N, C-alpha and C. Protein backbone atom coordinates (compact mmCIF):
# COMPACT_ATOMS: atom_id res chain seq x y z
N MET A 1 9.39 59.49 -23.32
CA MET A 1 9.07 60.79 -23.59
C MET A 1 8.98 60.54 -25.19
N ASP A 2 7.91 61.21 -25.73
CA ASP A 2 7.69 61.35 -26.97
C ASP A 2 7.93 62.46 -27.77
N ASP A 3 8.09 62.14 -28.91
CA ASP A 3 8.23 63.41 -29.99
C ASP A 3 7.98 64.89 -29.27
N SER A 4 7.08 65.04 -29.18
CA SER A 4 6.44 66.46 -28.76
C SER A 4 6.90 67.13 -27.58
N GLU A 5 7.58 66.11 -26.97
CA GLU A 5 7.93 66.60 -25.50
C GLU A 5 9.46 67.04 -25.84
N LEU A 6 9.92 66.01 -26.65
CA LEU A 6 11.30 66.23 -27.07
C LEU A 6 11.55 67.63 -27.65
N ARG A 7 10.40 67.83 -28.51
CA ARG A 7 10.58 68.93 -29.35
C ARG A 7 10.51 70.30 -28.56
N GLU A 8 9.89 70.30 -27.70
CA GLU A 8 9.34 71.34 -26.41
C GLU A 8 10.99 71.40 -25.72
N GLN A 9 11.47 70.55 -25.48
CA GLN A 9 12.72 70.67 -24.67
C GLN A 9 13.50 71.11 -25.87
N LEU A 10 13.78 70.66 -26.84
CA LEU A 10 14.72 71.20 -27.71
C LEU A 10 14.35 73.04 -27.92
N LYS A 11 13.26 73.32 -28.52
CA LYS A 11 12.87 74.81 -28.22
C LYS A 11 13.51 75.24 -27.27
N GLN A 12 13.34 74.79 -25.92
CA GLN A 12 13.64 75.70 -24.77
C GLN A 12 15.28 75.65 -24.69
N VAL A 13 15.94 74.48 -25.17
CA VAL A 13 17.32 74.59 -25.52
C VAL A 13 17.88 75.93 -26.46
N GLU A 14 17.17 75.29 -27.38
CA GLU A 14 17.70 76.70 -28.48
C GLU A 14 17.61 78.27 -28.14
N ALA A 15 16.47 78.46 -27.31
CA ALA A 15 15.93 79.44 -26.89
C ALA A 15 17.16 80.04 -25.80
N ASP A 16 17.49 79.17 -24.83
CA ASP A 16 18.43 79.35 -23.93
C ASP A 16 19.58 79.62 -24.68
N LEU A 17 20.12 78.90 -25.50
CA LEU A 17 21.45 79.04 -26.50
C LEU A 17 21.53 80.53 -27.03
N VAL A 18 20.16 80.64 -27.45
CA VAL A 18 20.29 82.66 -28.12
C VAL A 18 20.78 83.20 -27.14
N ARG A 19 19.76 83.54 -25.95
CA ARG A 19 19.91 84.27 -24.64
C ARG A 19 21.33 84.40 -24.14
N LEU A 20 21.86 83.28 -24.36
CA LEU A 20 23.34 83.11 -23.34
C LEU A 20 24.81 83.51 -24.44
N ARG A 21 24.17 83.30 -25.58
CA ARG A 21 25.23 83.71 -26.54
C ARG A 21 24.94 85.31 -26.58
N GLU A 22 23.91 86.02 -26.49
CA GLU A 22 23.84 87.06 -26.96
C GLU A 22 24.31 87.92 -25.22
N GLU A 23 24.35 87.22 -24.11
CA GLU A 23 24.82 87.69 -22.76
C GLU A 23 26.37 87.57 -22.87
N VAL A 24 27.01 86.58 -23.44
CA VAL A 24 28.08 86.35 -23.33
C VAL A 24 28.71 87.32 -24.37
N ALA A 25 27.86 87.48 -25.72
CA ALA A 25 28.65 88.75 -26.30
C ALA A 25 28.53 90.23 -25.92
N GLU A 26 27.78 90.58 -25.22
CA GLU A 26 27.73 91.87 -24.47
C GLU A 26 28.57 92.03 -23.31
N ILE A 27 29.38 90.69 -22.78
CA ILE A 27 30.29 90.78 -21.96
C ILE A 27 31.32 91.09 -22.53
N ARG A 28 31.51 90.35 -23.60
CA ARG A 28 33.05 90.60 -24.17
C ARG A 28 33.02 91.87 -24.92
N ARG A 29 31.70 92.49 -25.36
CA ARG A 29 31.55 93.87 -25.81
C ARG A 29 32.40 94.77 -24.78
N GLU A 30 31.32 94.72 -23.44
CA GLU A 30 31.54 95.75 -22.02
C GLU A 30 33.15 95.48 -22.15
N ILE A 31 34.03 94.13 -22.07
CA ILE A 31 35.26 94.05 -21.72
C ILE A 31 36.10 94.90 -22.93
N GLY A 32 35.80 94.61 -23.86
CA GLY A 32 36.51 95.54 -24.83
C GLY A 32 36.53 97.21 -24.75
N GLU A 33 35.15 97.36 -24.48
CA GLU A 33 35.24 98.91 -24.14
C GLU A 33 35.94 99.21 -23.15
N ARG A 34 36.11 98.52 -22.07
CA ARG A 34 36.79 99.10 -20.80
C ARG A 34 38.46 98.87 -21.08
N TRP A 35 38.96 98.27 -22.00
CA TRP A 35 40.49 98.07 -22.59
C TRP A 35 41.21 99.10 -22.03
N ASP A 36 40.74 100.44 -22.51
CA ASP A 36 41.58 101.42 -22.74
C ASP A 36 41.31 102.29 -21.25
N SER A 37 40.37 102.25 -20.82
CA SER A 37 40.25 102.96 -19.56
C SER A 37 40.77 102.34 -18.15
N PRO A 38 40.81 102.87 -17.11
CA PRO A 38 41.27 102.33 -15.95
C PRO A 38 40.58 101.50 -15.24
N THR A 39 40.77 100.47 -15.03
CA THR A 39 39.60 99.46 -14.35
C THR A 39 40.56 98.79 -13.48
N ASP A 40 39.55 98.35 -12.42
CA ASP A 40 39.90 97.37 -11.39
C ASP A 40 40.39 95.79 -12.21
N PRO A 41 41.64 95.16 -11.90
CA PRO A 41 41.86 94.05 -12.46
C PRO A 41 41.01 92.66 -11.92
N ALA A 42 40.66 92.97 -10.70
CA ALA A 42 39.68 92.23 -10.29
C ALA A 42 38.52 91.87 -10.90
N GLU A 43 37.95 93.11 -10.96
CA GLU A 43 36.69 93.39 -11.91
C GLU A 43 36.81 92.71 -12.89
N ILE A 44 37.66 92.94 -13.86
CA ILE A 44 37.93 92.04 -15.25
C ILE A 44 38.13 90.78 -15.22
N ALA A 45 38.82 90.52 -13.80
CA ALA A 45 38.83 88.98 -13.78
C ALA A 45 37.67 88.52 -13.75
N THR A 46 36.61 88.68 -12.63
CA THR A 46 35.42 88.38 -12.71
C THR A 46 34.37 88.39 -13.43
N VAL A 47 34.31 89.54 -14.43
CA VAL A 47 33.84 89.46 -15.83
C VAL A 47 34.36 88.83 -16.51
N LEU A 48 35.53 88.03 -16.80
CA LEU A 48 36.05 87.55 -17.82
C LEU A 48 35.81 85.83 -17.00
N THR A 49 35.57 85.55 -15.89
CA THR A 49 35.07 84.23 -15.11
C THR A 49 33.72 84.16 -15.84
N ASN A 50 33.22 85.00 -15.43
CA ASN A 50 31.57 85.29 -15.78
C ASN A 50 31.25 84.75 -17.29
N ALA A 51 32.00 85.13 -18.03
CA ALA A 51 31.62 84.94 -19.59
C ALA A 51 32.08 83.52 -19.77
N GLU A 52 33.01 83.00 -19.30
CA GLU A 52 33.67 81.60 -19.37
C GLU A 52 32.89 80.70 -19.04
N GLN A 53 32.09 81.01 -17.58
CA GLN A 53 31.15 79.93 -17.13
C GLN A 53 29.94 80.04 -18.11
N GLN A 54 29.50 81.38 -18.59
CA GLN A 54 28.28 81.03 -19.63
C GLN A 54 28.73 80.45 -20.93
N GLU A 55 30.23 80.37 -21.25
CA GLU A 55 30.49 79.88 -22.54
C GLU A 55 30.32 78.14 -21.95
N ALA A 56 30.89 77.94 -20.86
CA ALA A 56 30.69 76.45 -20.70
C ALA A 56 29.15 76.00 -20.76
N LEU A 57 27.92 76.55 -19.91
CA LEU A 57 26.55 76.09 -20.41
C LEU A 57 26.62 76.23 -21.53
N ILE A 58 26.97 77.28 -22.78
CA ILE A 58 26.46 77.05 -23.67
C ILE A 58 26.85 75.78 -24.36
N GLU A 59 28.14 75.38 -24.12
CA GLU A 59 28.70 73.96 -24.64
C GLU A 59 27.93 72.70 -24.04
N ASP A 60 27.49 72.70 -22.66
CA ASP A 60 26.49 71.58 -22.33
C ASP A 60 25.23 71.83 -23.10
N LEU A 61 24.31 72.98 -23.35
CA LEU A 61 23.55 73.19 -23.87
C LEU A 61 23.43 72.50 -25.26
N GLU A 62 24.66 72.81 -26.27
CA GLU A 62 24.92 72.28 -27.28
C GLU A 62 24.78 70.96 -27.38
N ALA A 63 25.46 70.01 -26.22
CA ALA A 63 25.72 68.69 -26.33
C ALA A 63 24.06 68.46 -26.15
N ARG A 64 23.37 68.88 -25.15
CA ARG A 64 21.88 68.43 -25.13
C ARG A 64 21.18 68.73 -26.21
N ARG A 65 21.34 69.90 -27.26
CA ARG A 65 20.37 69.95 -28.17
C ARG A 65 20.89 68.75 -29.22
N ALA A 66 21.99 68.57 -29.22
CA ALA A 66 22.81 67.33 -30.31
C ALA A 66 21.74 65.74 -29.93
N GLN A 67 21.88 65.80 -28.20
CA GLN A 67 20.91 64.26 -27.94
C GLN A 67 19.63 64.44 -28.10
N LEU A 68 19.10 65.64 -28.18
CA LEU A 68 17.71 65.70 -28.69
C LEU A 68 17.32 65.32 -29.78
N LEU A 69 18.14 66.15 -30.99
CA LEU A 69 17.87 65.96 -32.29
C LEU A 69 18.63 64.76 -32.51
N GLN A 70 19.14 63.94 -31.63
CA GLN A 70 19.53 62.25 -32.02
C GLN A 70 18.62 61.49 -32.01
N ARG A 71 17.68 61.81 -30.62
CA ARG A 71 16.83 61.39 -30.24
C ARG A 71 15.17 61.57 -31.48
N LEU A 72 15.33 62.35 -31.53
CA LEU A 72 14.16 63.13 -32.76
C LEU A 72 14.51 62.38 -33.94
N GLY A 73 15.95 61.48 -34.39
CA GLY A 73 15.95 61.21 -35.32
C GLY A 73 16.46 62.08 -36.63
N SER A 74 16.97 63.42 -36.09
CA SER A 74 17.46 64.32 -37.38
C SER A 74 19.17 64.29 -37.27
N PRO A 75 19.82 64.41 -38.01
CA PRO A 75 21.15 64.76 -38.13
C PRO A 75 22.28 65.62 -37.47
């Protein structure tokens, strides 16, 4: 894989990171807004699980970004 392909993959990973971080932040905001209102505990658990799964994806993407940067010779 040449540098241009690595840079394209890096660009996509970074775009995915931005998108996922925004989604997680929105989920967390929604949870915070519901904190005082009557809600279904199962629904809250599902929403929290979704946020945690997206945060795990973020960690995977951050690792992938680090690998790409290393292959490109960046610190």
